[in-house]
């Protein structure tokens, strides 16, 4: 798993399959789910 920041948002992606994008209808805070 790789992470980068874009315009104040944290983006997580699979480094072994960088073309496997996931689209979400809403955002969630990591602190709320961990």
C-alpha atoms as a PDB file:
ATOM      1  CA  UNK A   1       0.000   0.000   0.000  1.00  0.00           C
ATOM      2  CA  UNK A   2       1.326   3.418  -0.949  1.00  0.00           C
ATOM      3  CA  UNK A   3       0.162   6.805   0.276  1.00  0.00           C
ATOM      4  CA  UNK A   4       0.435  10.335  -1.055  1.00  0.00           C
ATOM      5  CA  UNK A   5      -1.198  13.663  -0.314  1.00  0.00           C
ATOM      6  CA  UNK A   6      -3.076  15.612  -2.980  1.00  0.00           C
ATOM      7  CA  UNK A   7      -4.559  19.036  -2.253  1.00  0.00           C
ATOM      8  CA  UNK A   8      -4.844  18.265   1.457  1.00  0.00           C
ATOM      9  CA  UNK A   9      -6.355  14.803   0.917  1.00  0.00           C
ATOM     10  CA  UNK A  10      -4.592  11.507   1.616  1.00  0.00           C
ATOM     11  CA  UNK A  11      -4.730   8.993  -1.236  1.00  0.00           C
ATOM     12  CA  UNK A  12      -4.085   5.277  -0.654  1.00  0.00           C
ATOM     13  CA  UNK A  13      -3.297   2.976  -3.576  1.00  0.00           C
ATOM     14  CA  UNK A  14      -2.022  -0.504  -4.332  1.00  0.00           C
ATOM     15  CA  UNK A  15       1.599  -0.181  -5.480  1.00  0.00           C
ATOM     16  CA  UNK A  16       1.543  -3.652  -7.057  1.00  0.00           C
ATOM     17  CA  UNK A  17      -1.466  -2.724  -9.216  1.00  0.00           C
ATOM     18  CA  UNK A  18      -1.472   1.086  -9.586  1.00  0.00           C
ATOM     19  CA  UNK A  19      -4.217   0.993 -12.238  1.00  0.00           C
ATOM     20  CA  UNK A  20      -6.710  -0.578  -9.820  1.00  0.00           C
ATOM     21  CA  UNK A  21      -8.549   2.585  -8.848  1.00  0.00           C
ATOM     22  CA  UNK A  22     -11.444   2.597  -6.436  1.00  0.00           C
ATOM     23  CA  UNK A  23     -14.084   5.295  -6.607  1.00  0.00           C
ATOM     24  CA  UNK A  24     -16.006   6.227  -3.488  1.00  0.00           C
ATOM     25  CA  UNK A  25     -19.180   8.225  -3.073  1.00  0.00           C
ATOM     26  CA  UNK A  26     -17.999   9.651   0.261  1.00  0.00           C
ATOM     27  CA  UNK A  27     -14.863  10.040   2.325  1.00  0.00           C
ATOM     28  CA  UNK A  28     -14.165   8.618   5.754  1.00  0.00           C
ATOM     29  CA  UNK A  29     -11.553   9.572   8.301  1.00  0.00           C
ATOM     30  CA  UNK A  30      -9.043   6.809   9.017  1.00  0.00           C
ATOM     31  CA  UNK A  31      -9.333   7.597  12.726  1.00  0.00           C
ATOM     32  CA  UNK A  32     -13.051   6.762  12.526  1.00  0.00           C
ATOM     33  CA  UNK A  33     -12.490   3.294  11.062  1.00  0.00           C
ATOM     34  CA  UNK A  34      -9.287   2.156  12.767  1.00  0.00           C
END
